[in-house]
Amino acid sequence: MVDLMNSGMLNLASLAVSLLVLIFGLLLWFFVNRASSRTNEQIELLEALLDQQKRQNALLRRLCEANEPDKEEPVKAAEQPEVQEEADDFIRLVAER
């Protein structure tokens, strides 16, 4: 009779451990899935923000080009590459997001 009770207790303990592992696994899956979906939402928002910033930059460039005063003097050929290099250097400093 003692042998029957011990084997029954062993089956019950095994079942309890299995249920605890299952519950722990489900909780872990829930939090990982939740973090993943929040990350995906943040990525979508950041991509939308990047798109808006690019459109704003393009609009700002068009406004600046439209408001540029007309130059009466032609730019010397020797000075033109320096101006272009300075403009390129400034663009390289600005981080693209």
Protein backbone atom coordinates (compact mmCIF):
# COMPACT_ATOMS: atom_id res chain seq x y z
CA MET A 1 0.00 0.00 0.00
CA VAL A 2 2.90 2.35 0.68
CA ASP A 3 4.24 1.64 -2.79
CA LEU A 4 0.95 2.71 -4.38
CA MET A 5 0.93 6.01 -2.47
CA ASN A 6 4.55 6.77 -3.38
CA SER A 7 3.96 6.21 -7.08
CA GLY A 8 0.81 8.39 -6.92
CA MET A 9 2.74 11.18 -5.19
CA LEU A 10 5.45 10.91 -7.82
CA ASN A 11 2.91 11.32 -10.61
CA LEU A 12 1.32 14.27 -8.81
CA ALA A 13 4.72 15.96 -8.28
CA SER A 14 5.59 15.42 -11.94
CA LEU A 15 2.28 16.95 -12.99
CA ALA A 16 2.79 19.93 -10.69
CA VAL A 17 6.30 20.58 -12.06
CA SER A 18 4.99 20.33 -15.62
CA LEU A 19 2.24 22.84 -14.87
CA LEU A 20 4.72 25.26 -13.25
CA VAL A 21 7.04 25.03 -16.26
CA LEU A 22 4.09 25.60 -18.60
CA ILE A 23 2.91 28.66 -16.65
CA PHE A 24 6.44 30.06 -16.53
CA GLY A 25 6.82 29.52 -20.28
CA LEU A 26 3.52 31.25 -21.03
CA LEU A 27 4.45 34.23 -18.86
CA LEU A 28 7.84 34.49 -20.53
CA TRP A 29 6.23 34.30 -23.99
CA PHE A 30 3.71 37.00 -23.01
CA PHE A 31 6.36 39.50 -21.92
CA VAL A 32 8.64 38.82 -24.89
CA ASN A 33 5.73 39.16 -27.31
CA ARG A 34 4.61 42.39 -25.64
CA ALA A 35 8.11 43.88 -25.80
CA SER A 36 8.39 42.88 -29.45
CA SER A 37 5.10 44.51 -30.42
CA ARG A 38 6.03 47.72 -28.57
CA THR A 39 9.37 47.77 -30.35
CA ASN A 40 7.64 47.35 -33.71
CA GLU A 41 5.32 50.27 -32.91
CA GLN A 42 8.29 52.45 -31.95
CA ILE A 43 10.08 51.55 -35.18
CA GLU A 44 7.00 52.49 -37.21
CA LEU A 45 6.74 55.82 -35.39
CA LEU A 46 10.43 56.56 -35.93
CA GLU A 47 10.14 55.75 -39.64
CA ALA A 48 7.15 58.10 -39.93
CA LEU A 49 9.13 60.80 -38.14
CA LEU A 50 12.08 60.29 -40.48
CA ASP A 51 9.80 60.61 -43.50
CA GLN A 52 8.34 63.86 -42.16
CA GLN A 53 11.80 65.24 -41.44
CA LYS A 54 12.95 64.44 -44.97
CA ARG A 55 9.91 66.23 -46.40
CA GLN A 56 10.56 69.23 -44.13
CA ASN A 57 14.21 69.35 -45.22
CA ALA A 58 13.21 69.27 -48.89
CA LEU A 59 10.68 72.05 -48.32
CA LEU A 60 13.26 74.12 -46.44
CA ARG A 61 15.76 73.69 -49.28
CA ARG A 62 13.15 74.85 -51.80
CA LEU A 63 12.31 77.87 -49.64
CA CYS A 64 15.96 78.78 -49.23
CA GLU A 65 16.59 78.46 -52.97
CA ALA A 66 13.55 80.62 -53.71
CA ASN A 67 14.69 83.33 -51.30
CA GLU A 68 18.30 83.46 -52.50
CA PRO A 69 19.29 86.88 -53.82
CA ASP A 70 20.39 87.03 -57.44
CA LYS A 71 24.17 87.21 -57.75
CA GLU A 72 25.41 89.84 -60.18
CA GLU A 73 29.05 88.79 -60.24
CA PRO A 74 29.97 85.44 -61.74
CA VAL A 75 31.88 83.16 -59.40
CA LYS A 76 35.50 82.63 -60.29
CA ALA A 77 36.42 79.14 -61.42
CA ALA A 78 39.12 78.82 -58.73
CA GLU A 79 36.72 79.74 -55.91
CA GLN A 80 33.87 77.51 -56.99
CA PRO A 81 35.43 74.13 -55.96
CA GLU A 82 36.26 75.50 -52.51
CA VAL A 83 32.67 76.56 -51.94
CA GLN A 84 31.47 73.15 -53.11
CA GLU A 85 33.94 71.35 -50.81
CA GLU A 86 32.82 73.43 -47.83
CA ALA A 87 29.20 72.59 -48.57
CA ASP A 88 30.05 68.89 -48.85
CA ASP A 89 31.97 69.00 -45.57
CA PHE A 90 29.00 70.54 -43.80
CA ILE A 91 26.65 67.89 -45.17
CA ARG A 92 28.99 65.16 -43.98
CA LEU A 93 28.81 66.55 -40.44
CA VAL A 94 25.02 66.32 -40.32
CA ALA A 95 23.97 62.83 -39.27
CA GLU A 96 21.35 61.18 -41.42
CA ARG A 97 18.71 59.55 -39.26
